[in-house]
Amino acid sequence: MPIIDQENIRKALAFWREGKRLDEVHDSYAFLSFYKVIESQFSEGKKKVTWIKENIEKLTDRAAKRVAELRSEGVDVSRHLYDSGRCAVAHASLEGEIVDPDIPSDRRRLSSDLVIMEELARIYIRDELKVPDSRSLYRSRNRIAPWNPMLPETTLETLMSGLTPESVDGLQGQLVSVGLWPDGPIPGLENMTMHVDAVQDGVVKIVLINERKTVLLIFFLDYRSGRVHTNLEDGGLLYAEYSPNEEDVRAYATFFYKVLGNGVAELTCGNIEPIDCEVVIPVNIIPPDPDKAIDEVIEKFRRENGGGNV
């Protein structure tokens, strides 16, 4: 996480932490804390109201559903959040609207609205204050970083700059197990030998081959973006010194059809943290059910080979 050295950001995060601590403990005060995340950043009330109105449209999931419910009742959502939420919690008067703790409907209303205020506060911190949340950190993180120690610093700098280094020998010959998140390595795809096939403009094409030299998998390490891409088109079973046996067929089919079905492939090298690959988005095809497809491939192999291993 970044170091926070600006007072306004520190204050917003303080209100956010307060709101999270109060969430599911005291909805009214949690609502007020999340509202203050935004309110504390504006000296003019009109600008705050404008920001809330504009960003209500960014809400998703439960928050968007609650907004739709309020609008179906003819409610101005931004006004409602101020009058029935912020003011009702912070102030009590004879004429004004308050949250009466003895009235269940008041408590339920504020509990329902809490999801809107929390999401707006999260969006403000992420988009306006530029403090990444766990979601954006996950999306933007460098997935290849755990493998950085395999290469010299100068080589890494060259790759990350989108240039082509003289060599990436540190990757050559490494043993890599291929698996699926969160299940771990696929049986039969453990300790595959890594071969560097090509290097160009910050991208390294690697080929992984199992010990029997019967399964070949291809990946692209894009150091420019910190992403790993799976190449399903060019990988497959190899027929050379040995022919694939049923374990090889099952291992490759599991990898191929699970990844084709949006599974997340993971590459594990020794005790280093696994690196995950980008999800494959199939184009112009409807992916089959992975488990059914794997069973069909195994059954076909058995028919063609008399039911035994080769």
C-alpha atoms as a PDB file:
ATOM      1  CA  MET A   1       0.000   0.000   0.000  1.00  0.00           C
ATOM      2  CA  PRO A   2       1.181   3.581  -0.633  1.00  0.00           C
ATOM      3  CA  ILE A   3       2.507   5.816   2.135  1.00  0.00           C
ATOM      4  CA  ILE A   4      -0.073   8.470   3.067  1.00  0.00           C
ATOM      5  CA  ASP A   5       1.492  11.873   3.734  1.00  0.00           C
ATOM      6  CA  GLN A   6      -1.410  14.222   2.888  1.00  0.00           C
ATOM      7  CA  GLU A   7      -3.657  15.291   5.751  1.00  0.00           C
ATOM      8  CA  ASN A   8      -6.912  15.250   3.779  1.00  0.00           C
ATOM      9  CA  ILE A   9      -6.277  11.686   2.603  1.00  0.00           C
ATOM     10  CA  ARG A  10      -5.304  10.575   6.101  1.00  0.00           C
ATOM     11  CA  LYS A  11      -8.548  12.048   7.428  1.00  0.00           C
ATOM     12  CA  ALA A  12     -10.678  10.321   4.779  1.00  0.00           C
ATOM     13  CA  LEU A  13      -9.034   6.978   5.530  1.00  0.00           C
ATOM     14  CA  ALA A  14      -9.563   7.531   9.249  1.00  0.00           C
ATOM     15  CA  PHE A  15     -13.310   7.962   8.691  1.00  0.00           C
ATOM     16  CA  TRP A  16     -13.274   4.896   6.395  1.00  0.00           C
ATOM     17  CA  ARG A  17     -11.624   2.738   9.065  1.00  0.00           C
ATOM     18  CA  GLU A  18     -14.085   4.042  11.637  1.00  0.00           C
ATOM     19  CA  GLY A  19     -16.989   3.134   9.354  1.00  0.00           C
ATOM     20  CA  LYS A  20     -15.646  -0.381   8.778  1.00  0.00           C
ATOM     21  CA  ARG A  21     -15.249  -0.917  12.524  1.00  0.00           C
ATOM     22  CA  LEU A  22     -18.832   0.202  13.121  1.00  0.00           C
ATOM     23  CA  ASP A  23     -20.257  -1.758  10.188  1.00  0.00           C
ATOM     24  CA  GLU A  24     -22.565  -4.522  11.465  1.00  0.00           C
ATOM     25  CA  VAL A  25     -22.163  -3.094  14.983  1.00  0.00           C
ATOM     26  CA  HIS A  26     -23.970   0.250  14.701  1.00  0.00           C
ATOM     27  CA  ASP A  27     -25.343   0.976  11.227  1.00  0.00           C
ATOM     28  CA  SER A  28     -26.285   4.587  11.995  1.00  0.00           C
ATOM     29  CA  TYR A  29     -22.809   5.646  13.023  1.00  0.00           C
ATOM     30  CA  ALA A  30     -21.204   3.553  10.287  1.00  0.00           C
ATOM     31  CA  PHE A  31     -23.341   5.457   7.750  1.00  0.00           C
ATOM     32  CA  LEU A  32     -22.225   8.770   9.230  1.00  0.00           C
ATOM     33  CA  SER A  33     -18.548   7.775   9.116  1.00  0.00           C
ATOM     34  CA  PHE A  34     -18.757   6.770   5.445  1.00  0.00           C
ATOM     35  CA  TYR A  35     -20.569  10.021   4.649  1.00  0.00           C
ATOM     36  CA  LYS A  36     -17.796  11.977   6.365  1.00  0.00           C
ATOM     37  CA  VAL A  37     -15.226  10.322   4.078  1.00  0.00           C
ATOM     38  CA  ILE A  38     -16.696  12.464   1.295  1.00  0.00           C
ATOM     39  CA  GLU A  39     -17.933  15.433   3.325  1.00  0.00           C
ATOM     40  CA  SER A  40     -14.494  16.014   4.858  1.00  0.00           C
ATOM     41  CA  GLN A  41     -13.029  16.664   1.389  1.00  0.00           C
ATOM     42  CA  PHE A  42     -15.335  19.534   0.378  1.00  0.00           C
ATOM     43  CA  SER A  43     -15.467  23.094   1.650  1.00  0.00           C
ATOM     44  CA  GLU A  44     -18.540  23.774  -0.490  1.00  0.00           C
ATOM     45  CA  GLY A  45     -21.667  21.713   0.044  1.00  0.00           C
ATOM     46  CA  LYS A  46     -22.847  22.131  -3.559  1.00  0.00           C
ATOM     47  CA  LYS A  47     -19.708  20.491  -4.946  1.00  0.00           C
ATOM     48  CA  LYS A  48     -20.167  17.570  -2.584  1.00  0.00           C
ATOM     49  CA  VAL A  49     -23.781  17.105  -3.677  1.00  0.00           C
ATOM     50  CA  THR A  50     -22.731  17.295  -7.333  1.00  0.00           C
ATOM     51  CA  TRP A  51     -20.056  14.639  -6.815  1.00  0.00           C
ATOM     52  CA  ILE A  52     -22.503  12.290  -5.115  1.00  0.00           C
ATOM     53  CA  LYS A  53     -25.092  12.745  -7.885  1.00  0.00           C
ATOM     54  CA  GLU A  54     -22.541  12.015 -10.602  1.00  0.00           C
ATOM     55  CA  ASN A  55     -21.050   8.979  -8.905  1.00  0.00           C
ATOM     56  CA  ILE A  56     -24.273   7.281  -7.911  1.00  0.00           C
ATOM     57  CA  GLU A  57     -24.309   5.993 -11.493  1.00  0.00           C
ATOM     58  CA  LYS A  58     -21.035   4.119 -10.855  1.00  0.00           C
ATOM     59  CA  LEU A  59     -22.563   1.941  -8.156  1.00  0.00           C
ATOM     60  CA  THR A  60     -22.898  -1.783  -8.777  1.00  0.00           C
ATOM     61  CA  ASP A  61     -24.345  -4.913  -7.171  1.00  0.00           C
ATOM     62  CA  ARG A  62     -26.240  -4.365  -3.879  1.00  0.00           C
ATOM     63  CA  ALA A  63     -25.670  -0.609  -3.873  1.00  0.00           C
ATOM     64  CA  ALA A  64     -27.087  -0.233  -7.389  1.00  0.00           C
ATOM     65  CA  LYS A  65     -30.058  -2.403  -6.439  1.00  0.00           C
ATOM     66  CA  ARG A  66     -30.832  -0.178  -3.448  1.00  0.00           C
ATOM     67  CA  VAL A  67     -30.585   2.946  -5.637  1.00  0.00           C
ATOM     68  CA  ALA A  68     -33.071   1.390  -8.069  1.00  0.00           C
ATOM     69  CA  GLU A  69     -35.451   0.626  -5.193  1.00  0.00           C
ATOM     70  CA  LEU A  70     -35.350   4.220  -3.964  1.00  0.00           C
ATOM     71  CA  ARG A  71     -35.835   5.643  -7.451  1.00  0.00           C
ATOM     72  CA  SER A  72     -38.813   3.371  -8.040  1.00  0.00           C
ATOM     73  CA  GLU A  73     -40.380   5.117  -5.036  1.00  0.00           C
ATOM     74  CA  GLY A  74     -39.710   8.524  -6.589  1.00  0.00           C
ATOM     75  CA  VAL A  75     -36.862   9.328  -4.206  1.00  0.00           C
ATOM     76  CA  ASP A  76     -34.038  11.743  -5.084  1.00  0.00           C
ATOM     77  CA  VAL A  77     -31.216   9.499  -3.892  1.00  0.00           C
ATOM     78  CA  SER A  78     -28.539  12.132  -3.232  1.00  0.00           C
ATOM     79  CA  ARG A  79     -31.018  14.294  -1.301  1.00  0.00           C
ATOM     80  CA  HIS A  80     -32.249  11.234   0.561  1.00  0.00           C
ATOM     81  CA  LEU A  81     -28.731  10.303   1.639  1.00  0.00           C
ATOM     82  CA  TYR A  82     -28.282  13.757   3.134  1.00  0.00           C
ATOM     83  CA  ASP A  83     -31.706  14.300   4.733  1.00  0.00           C
ATOM     84  CA  SER A  84     -32.581  10.780   5.836  1.00  0.00           C
ATOM     85  CA  GLY A  85     -29.053   9.642   6.463  1.00  0.00           C
ATOM     86  CA  ARG A  86     -26.388  12.127   7.362  1.00  0.00           C
ATOM     87  CA  CYS A  87     -28.614  14.758   9.025  1.00  0.00           C
ATOM     88  CA  ALA A  88     -30.970  12.243  10.585  1.00  0.00           C
ATOM     89  CA  VAL A  89     -28.061  10.528  12.308  1.00  0.00           C
ATOM     90  CA  ALA A  90     -25.995  13.569  13.256  1.00  0.00           C
ATOM     91  CA  HIS A  91     -28.809  15.864  14.393  1.00  0.00           C
ATOM     92  CA  ALA A  92     -32.022  15.460  16.316  1.00  0.00           C
ATOM     93  CA  SER A  93     -34.764  18.071  16.378  1.00  0.00           C
ATOM     94  CA  LEU A  94     -38.495  18.201  16.961  1.00  0.00           C
ATOM     95  CA  GLU A  95     -39.312  19.055  13.353  1.00  0.00           C
ATOM     96  CA  GLY A  96     -36.446  17.454  11.442  1.00  0.00           C
ATOM     97  CA  GLU A  97     -36.141  13.862  10.359  1.00  0.00           C
ATOM     98  CA  ILE A  98     -34.231  11.650  12.774  1.00  0.00           C
ATOM     99  CA  VAL A  99     -33.314   8.001  13.071  1.00  0.00           C
ATOM    100  CA  ASP A 100     -35.364   6.810  16.014  1.00  0.00           C
ATOM    101  CA  PRO A 101     -33.685   3.721  17.523  1.00  0.00           C
ATOM    102  CA  ASP A 102     -37.049   2.577  18.899  1.00  0.00           C
ATOM    103  CA  ILE A 103     -38.614   2.383  15.437  1.00  0.00           C
ATOM    104  CA  PRO A 104     -37.589  -0.775  13.513  1.00  0.00           C
ATOM    105  CA  SER A 105     -38.430   0.770  10.124  1.00  0.00           C
ATOM    106  CA  ASP A 106     -35.944   3.614  10.768  1.00  0.00           C
ATOM    107  CA  ARG A 107     -33.199   1.140  11.583  1.00  0.00           C
ATOM    108  CA  ARG A 108     -33.997  -1.027   8.556  1.00  0.00           C
ATOM    109  CA  ARG A 109     -34.027   1.982   6.227  1.00  0.00           C
ATOM    110  CA  LEU A 110     -30.622   3.170   7.308  1.00  0.00           C
ATOM    111  CA  SER A 111     -29.238  -0.358   7.191  1.00  0.00           C
ATOM    112  CA  SER A 112     -30.481  -0.650   3.601  1.00  0.00           C
ATOM    113  CA  ASP A 113     -28.941   2.704   2.655  1.00  0.00           C
ATOM    114  CA  LEU A 114     -25.614   1.913   4.320  1.00  0.00           C
ATOM    115  CA  VAL A 115     -24.431  -0.116   1.321  1.00  0.00           C
ATOM    116  CA  ILE A 116     -24.815   2.969  -0.919  1.00  0.00           C
ATOM    117  CA  MET A 117     -22.831   5.214   1.372  1.00  0.00           C
ATOM    118  CA  GLU A 118     -20.053   2.682   1.910  1.00  0.00           C
ATOM    119  CA  GLU A 119     -19.636   2.129  -1.828  1.00  0.00           C
ATOM    120  CA  LEU A 120     -19.599   5.878  -2.546  1.00  0.00           C
ATOM    121  CA  ALA A 121     -16.910   6.342   0.108  1.00  0.00           C
ATOM    122  CA  ARG A 122     -14.847   3.539  -1.425  1.00  0.00           C
ATOM    123  CA  ILE A 123     -15.165   5.084  -4.904  1.00  0.00           C
ATOM    124  CA  TYR A 124     -14.128   8.513  -3.594  1.00  0.00           C
ATOM    125  CA  ILE A 125     -11.012   7.127  -1.918  1.00  0.00           C
ATOM    126  CA  ARG A 126     -10.068   5.115  -4.992  1.00  0.00           C
ATOM    127  CA  ASP A 127     -10.905   7.545  -7.805  1.00  0.00           C
ATOM    128  CA  GLU A 128     -10.508  11.012  -6.278  1.00  0.00           C
ATOM    129  CA  LEU A 129      -7.809  10.440  -3.667  1.00  0.00           C
ATOM    130  CA  LYS A 130      -6.045   7.834  -5.836  1.00  0.00           C
ATOM    131  CA  VAL A 131      -5.626   5.380  -2.983  1.00  0.00           C
ATOM    132  CA  PRO A 132      -5.955   1.892  -4.517  1.00  0.00           C
ATOM    133  CA  ASP A 133      -8.347  -0.540  -2.875  1.00  0.00           C
ATOM    134  CA  SER A 134      -7.780  -4.289  -2.683  1.00  0.00           C
ATOM    135  CA  ARG A 135      -9.599  -4.826  -5.982  1.00  0.00           C
ATOM    136  CA  SER A 136      -7.566  -2.312  -7.972  1.00  0.00           C
ATOM    137  CA  LEU A 137      -4.339  -3.426  -6.269  1.00  0.00           C
ATOM    138  CA  TYR A 138      -5.067  -6.993  -7.320  1.00  0.00           C
ATOM    139  CA  ARG A 139      -5.799  -5.968 -10.906  1.00  0.00           C
ATOM    140  CA  SER A 140      -2.752  -3.702 -11.197  1.00  0.00           C
ATOM    141  CA  ARG A 141      -0.149  -5.793  -9.376  1.00  0.00           C
ATOM    142  CA  ASN A 142       2.861  -7.174 -11.229  1.00  0.00           C
ATOM    143  CA  ARG A 143       2.109 -10.871 -11.470  1.00  0.00           C
ATOM    144  CA  ILE A 144       5.618 -11.760 -12.668  1.00  0.00           C
ATOM    145  CA  ALA A 145       7.312 -10.019  -9.713  1.00  0.00           C
ATOM    146  CA  PRO A 146       7.882 -13.250  -7.704  1.00  0.00           C
ATOM    147  CA  TRP A 147      10.131 -14.455 -10.550  1.00  0.00           C
ATOM    148  CA  ASN A 148      12.178 -11.250 -10.730  1.00  0.00           C
ATOM    149  CA  PRO A 149      15.105 -12.695  -8.687  1.00  0.00           C
ATOM    150  CA  MET A 150      15.734 -15.170 -11.530  1.00  0.00           C
ATOM    151  CA  LEU A 151      17.086 -12.356 -13.713  1.00  0.00           C
ATOM    152  CA  PRO A 152      19.713  -9.617 -13.213  1.00  0.00           C
ATOM    153  CA  GLU A 153      18.400  -6.152 -12.383  1.00  0.00           C
ATOM    154  CA  THR A 154      19.622  -4.727 -15.695  1.00  0.00           C
ATOM    155  CA  THR A 155      17.797  -7.444 -17.630  1.00  0.00           C
ATOM    156  CA  LEU A 156      14.576  -6.736 -15.741  1.00  0.00           C
ATOM    157  CA  GLU A 157      14.848  -3.020 -16.449  1.00  0.00           C
ATOM    158  CA  THR A 158      15.337  -3.744 -20.145  1.00  0.00           C
ATOM    159  CA  LEU A 159      12.310  -6.047 -20.287  1.00  0.00           C
ATOM    160  CA  MET A 160      10.073  -3.696 -18.311  1.00  0.00           C
ATOM    161  CA  SER A 161      11.022  -0.889 -20.690  1.00  0.00           C
ATOM    162  CA  GLY A 162       9.708  -2.949 -23.600  1.00  0.00           C
ATOM    163  CA  LEU A 163      13.166  -3.640 -24.996  1.00  0.00           C
ATOM    164  CA  THR A 164      14.984  -6.869 -25.877  1.00  0.00           C
ATOM    165  CA  PRO A 165      17.845  -7.951 -23.577  1.00  0.00           C
ATOM    166  CA  GLU A 166      20.809  -9.979 -24.783  1.00  0.00           C
ATOM    167  CA  SER A 167      19.683 -13.028 -22.804  1.00  0.00           C
ATOM    168  CA  VAL A 168      17.294 -14.278 -20.140  1.00  0.00           C
ATOM    169  CA  ASP A 169      19.386 -17.290 -19.172  1.00  0.00           C
ATOM    170  CA  GLY A 170      18.081 -17.218 -15.613  1.00  0.00           C
ATOM    171  CA  LEU A 171      14.749 -18.586 -16.831  1.00  0.00           C
ATOM    172  CA  GLN A 172      16.232 -21.407 -18.905  1.00  0.00           C
ATOM    173  CA  GLY A 173      15.962 -24.847 -17.291  1.00  0.00           C
ATOM    174  CA  GLN A 174      13.847 -23.808 -14.310  1.00  0.00           C
ATOM    175  CA  LEU A 175      11.369 -26.449 -13.095  1.00  0.00           C
ATOM    176  CA  VAL A 176       7.799 -25.185 -13.120  1.00  0.00           C
ATOM    177  CA  SER A 177       4.609 -26.887 -11.954  1.00  0.00           C
ATOM    178  CA  VAL A 178       1.434 -25.892 -13.766  1.00  0.00           C
ATOM    179  CA  GLY A 179      -1.812 -25.807 -11.840  1.00  0.00           C
ATOM    180  CA  LEU A 180      -5.193 -24.204 -11.446  1.00  0.00           C
ATOM    181  CA  TRP A 181      -6.116 -21.710  -8.751  1.00  0.00           C
ATOM    182  CA  PRO A 182      -6.988 -22.557  -5.979  1.00  0.00           C
ATOM    183  CA  ASP A 183      -6.397 -26.304  -6.390  1.00  0.00           C
ATOM    184  CA  GLY A 184      -2.656 -26.275  -7.011  1.00  0.00           C
ATOM    185  CA  PRO A 185      -0.575 -28.280  -9.518  1.00  0.00           C
ATOM    186  CA  ILE A 186      -2.325 -30.572 -11.974  1.00  0.00           C
ATOM    187  CA  PRO A 187      -1.154 -34.194 -11.565  1.00  0.00           C
ATOM    188  CA  GLY A 188       1.179 -34.916 -14.456  1.00  0.00           C
ATOM    189  CA  LEU A 189       2.157 -31.269 -14.958  1.00  0.00           C
ATOM    190  CA  GLU A 190       4.560 -30.977 -12.023  1.00  0.00           C
ATOM    191  CA  ASN A 191       8.206 -29.991 -12.461  1.00  0.00           C
ATOM    192  CA  MET A 192       8.034 -29.224 -16.164  1.00  0.00           C
ATOM    193  CA  THR A 193      11.273 -27.889 -17.645  1.00  0.00           C
ATOM    194  CA  MET A 194      11.180 -24.291 -18.848  1.00  0.00           C
ATOM    195  CA  HIS A 195      12.740 -23.442 -22.204  1.00  0.00           C
ATOM    196  CA  VAL A 196      13.042 -19.884 -23.519  1.00  0.00           C
ATOM    197  CA  ASP A 197      11.738 -19.927 -27.097  1.00  0.00           C
ATOM    198  CA  ALA A 198      11.881 -16.216 -27.960  1.00  0.00           C
ATOM    199  CA  VAL A 199      12.440 -12.764 -26.451  1.00  0.00           C
ATOM    200  CA  GLN A 200      11.250  -9.547 -28.060  1.00  0.00           C
ATOM    201  CA  ASP A 201      10.143  -6.094 -26.930  1.00  0.00           C
ATOM    202  CA  GLY A 202       9.776  -6.996 -23.261  1.00  0.00           C
ATOM    203  CA  VAL A 203       7.937 -10.275 -23.876  1.00  0.00           C
ATOM    204  CA  VAL A 204       9.449 -13.703 -23.204  1.00  0.00           C
ATOM    205  CA  LYS A 205       7.900 -16.764 -24.837  1.00  0.00           C
ATOM    206  CA  ILE A 206       8.473 -19.836 -22.679  1.00  0.00           C
ATOM    207  CA  VAL A 207       7.819 -23.485 -23.467  1.00  0.00           C
ATOM    208  CA  LEU A 208       7.216 -25.961 -20.637  1.00  0.00           C
ATOM    209  CA  ILE A 209       7.820 -29.668 -21.299  1.00  0.00           C
ATOM    210  CA  ASN A 210       7.153 -32.522 -18.898  1.00  0.00           C
ATOM    211  CA  GLU A 211       9.807 -35.084 -17.941  1.00  0.00           C
ATOM    212  CA  ARG A 212       8.565 -37.710 -20.432  1.00  0.00           C
ATOM    213  CA  LYS A 213       8.511 -35.078 -23.190  1.00  0.00           C
ATOM    214  CA  THR A 214       4.894 -35.849 -23.981  1.00  0.00           C
ATOM    215  CA  VAL A 215       3.184 -32.591 -22.926  1.00  0.00           C
ATOM    216  CA  LEU A 216       4.096 -29.103 -24.153  1.00  0.00           C
ATOM    217  CA  LEU A 217       2.606 -25.862 -22.808  1.00  0.00           C
ATOM    218  CA  ILE A 218       3.322 -22.320 -23.985  1.00  0.00           C
ATOM    219  CA  PHE A 219       3.127 -19.058 -22.043  1.00  0.00           C
ATOM    220  CA  PHE A 220       4.096 -15.443 -22.692  1.00  0.00           C
ATOM    221  CA  LEU A 221       5.706 -13.439 -19.876  1.00  0.00           C
ATOM    222  CA  ASP A 222       4.897  -9.809 -20.633  1.00  0.00           C
ATOM    223  CA  TYR A 223       7.271  -7.838 -18.427  1.00  0.00           C
ATOM    224  CA  ARG A 224       5.918  -4.538 -19.747  1.00  0.00           C
ATOM    225  CA  SER A 225       2.554  -5.071 -18.077  1.00  0.00           C
ATOM    226  CA  GLY A 226       3.533  -7.650 -15.473  1.00  0.00           C
ATOM    227  CA  ARG A 227       1.126 -10.179 -16.992  1.00  0.00           C
ATOM    228  CA  VAL A 228       1.374 -13.846 -17.972  1.00  0.00           C
ATOM    229  CA  HIS A 229      -0.651 -15.059 -20.951  1.00  0.00           C
ATOM    230  CA  THR A 230      -1.546 -18.651 -21.782  1.00  0.00           C
ATOM    231  CA  ASN A 231      -1.252 -19.826 -25.390  1.00  0.00           C
ATOM    232  CA  LEU A 232      -3.759 -22.661 -25.765  1.00  0.00           C
ATOM    233  CA  GLU A 233      -3.512 -22.780 -29.557  1.00  0.00           C
ATOM    234  CA  ASP A 234       0.091 -23.983 -29.825  1.00  0.00           C
ATOM    235  CA  GLY A 235       0.437 -26.285 -26.819  1.00  0.00           C
ATOM    236  CA  GLY A 236      -0.492 -29.952 -26.840  1.00  0.00           C
ATOM    237  CA  LEU A 237       0.613 -33.567 -26.643  1.00  0.00           C
ATOM    238  CA  LEU A 238       3.974 -34.612 -28.107  1.00  0.00           C
ATOM    239  CA  TYR A 239       4.710 -37.834 -29.963  1.00  0.00           C
ATOM    240  CA  ALA A 240       8.471 -38.395 -30.073  1.00  0.00           C
ATOM    241  CA  GLU A 241      10.631 -40.723 -27.984  1.00  0.00           C
ATOM    242  CA  TYR A 242       7.575 -41.584 -25.915  1.00  0.00           C
ATOM    243  CA  SER A 243       3.894 -41.483 -26.756  1.00  0.00           C
ATOM    244  CA  PRO A 244       1.428 -39.841 -24.354  1.00  0.00           C
ATOM    245  CA  ASN A 245      -0.185 -42.192 -21.850  1.00  0.00           C
ATOM    246  CA  GLU A 246      -3.537 -41.773 -20.151  1.00  0.00           C
ATOM    247  CA  GLU A 247      -2.058 -39.661 -17.349  1.00  0.00           C
ATOM    248  CA  ASP A 248      -0.568 -37.286 -19.927  1.00  0.00           C
ATOM    249  CA  VAL A 249      -3.847 -37.058 -21.819  1.00  0.00           C
ATOM    250  CA  ARG A 250      -5.797 -36.376 -18.632  1.00  0.00           C
ATOM    251  CA  ALA A 251      -3.274 -33.768 -17.456  1.00  0.00           C
ATOM    252  CA  TYR A 252      -3.301 -31.844 -20.721  1.00  0.00           C
ATOM    253  CA  ALA A 253      -7.089 -32.095 -21.150  1.00  0.00           C
ATOM    254  CA  THR A 254      -7.580 -30.841 -17.592  1.00  0.00           C
ATOM    255  CA  PHE A 255      -5.342 -27.855 -18.244  1.00  0.00           C
ATOM    256  CA  PHE A 256      -6.820 -27.071 -21.665  1.00  0.00           C
ATOM    257  CA  TYR A 257     -10.524 -27.332 -20.876  1.00  0.00           C
ATOM    258  CA  LYS A 258     -10.363 -25.791 -17.400  1.00  0.00           C
ATOM    259  CA  VAL A 259      -8.445 -22.769 -18.717  1.00  0.00           C
ATOM    260  CA  LEU A 260     -10.747 -22.548 -21.747  1.00  0.00           C
ATOM    261  CA  GLY A 261     -13.626 -22.460 -19.258  1.00  0.00           C
ATOM    262  CA  ASN A 262     -12.142 -19.372 -17.532  1.00  0.00           C
ATOM    263  CA  GLY A 263     -10.061 -21.222 -14.969  1.00  0.00           C
ATOM    264  CA  VAL A 264      -6.976 -19.386 -13.691  1.00  0.00           C
ATOM    265  CA  ALA A 265      -3.707 -21.133 -14.535  1.00  0.00           C
ATOM    266  CA  GLU A 266      -0.878 -20.870 -11.994  1.00  0.00           C
ATOM    267  CA  LEU A 267       2.845 -21.389 -12.498  1.00  0.00           C
ATOM    268  CA  THR A 268       4.850 -22.479  -9.455  1.00  0.00           C
ATOM    269  CA  CYS A 269       8.645 -22.565  -9.412  1.00  0.00           C
ATOM    270  CA  GLY A 270      10.112 -24.188  -6.306  1.00  0.00           C
ATOM    271  CA  ASN A 271       9.141 -22.416  -3.094  1.00  0.00           C
ATOM    272  CA  ILE A 272       8.473 -19.123  -4.882  1.00  0.00           C
ATOM    273  CA  GLU A 273       4.998 -17.629  -4.664  1.00  0.00           C
ATOM    274  CA  PRO A 274       2.845 -18.919  -7.580  1.00  0.00           C
ATOM    275  CA  ILE A 275       2.230 -16.514 -10.433  1.00  0.00           C
ATOM    276  CA  ASP A 276      -1.228 -16.505 -11.987  1.00  0.00           C
ATOM    277  CA  CYS A 277      -2.047 -16.142 -15.664  1.00  0.00           C
ATOM    278  CA  GLU A 278      -4.624 -13.940 -17.326  1.00  0.00           C
ATOM    279  CA  VAL A 279      -8.028 -15.517 -17.854  1.00  0.00           C
ATOM    280  CA  VAL A 280      -8.485 -16.819 -21.395  1.00  0.00           C
ATOM    281  CA  ILE A 281     -11.478 -15.244 -23.165  1.00  0.00           C
ATOM    282  CA  PRO A 282     -12.670 -17.633 -25.910  1.00  0.00           C
ATOM    283  CA  VAL A 283     -13.620 -15.973 -29.201  1.00  0.00           C
ATOM    284  CA  ASN A 284     -16.277 -17.294 -31.589  1.00  0.00           C
ATOM    285  CA  ILE A 285     -16.791 -20.509 -29.609  1.00  0.00           C
ATOM    286  CA  ILE A 286     -18.943 -21.702 -26.750  1.00  0.00           C
ATOM    287  CA  PRO A 287     -16.616 -23.544 -24.343  1.00  0.00           C
ATOM    288  CA  PRO A 288     -17.826 -27.050 -23.447  1.00  0.00           C
ATOM    289  CA  ASP A 289     -18.378 -28.195 -19.900  1.00  0.00           C
ATOM    290  CA  PRO A 290     -14.768 -28.853 -18.765  1.00  0.00           C
ATOM    291  CA  ASP A 291     -15.424 -32.055 -16.806  1.00  0.00           C
ATOM    292  CA  LYS A 292     -17.538 -33.555 -19.575  1.00  0.00           C
ATOM    293  CA  ALA A 293     -14.955 -32.631 -22.224  1.00  0.00           C
ATOM    294  CA  ILE A 294     -12.128 -34.192 -20.170  1.00  0.00           C
ATOM    295  CA  ASP A 295     -14.088 -37.435 -19.759  1.00  0.00           C
ATOM    296  CA  GLU A 296     -14.762 -37.564 -23.508  1.00  0.00           C
ATOM    297  CA  VAL A 297     -11.065 -37.091 -24.335  1.00  0.00           C
ATOM    298  CA  ILE A 298     -10.065 -39.876 -21.932  1.00  0.00           C
ATOM    299  CA  GLU A 299     -12.726 -42.203 -23.310  1.00  0.00           C
ATOM    300  CA  LYS A 300     -11.558 -41.545 -26.874  1.00  0.00           C
ATOM    301  CA  PHE A 301      -7.945 -42.244 -25.876  1.00  0.00           C
ATOM    302  CA  ARG A 302      -8.946 -45.547 -24.284  1.00  0.00           C
ATOM    303  CA  ARG A 303     -10.881 -46.635 -27.355  1.00  0.00           C
ATOM    304  CA  GLU A 304      -7.969 -45.812 -29.652  1.00  0.00           C
ATOM    305  CA  ASN A 305      -5.373 -47.488 -27.426  1.00  0.00           C
ATOM    306  CA  GLY A 306      -7.165 -50.569 -26.225  1.00  0.00           C
ATOM    307  CA  GLY A 307      -7.880 -49.153 -22.790  1.00  0.00           C
ATOM    308  CA  GLY A 308      -4.293 -49.145 -21.504  1.00  0.00           C
ATOM    309  CA  ASN A 309      -1.304 -46.846 -21.038  1.00  0.00           C
ATOM    310  CA  VAL A 310       1.341 -46.609 -23.725  1.00  0.00           C
END
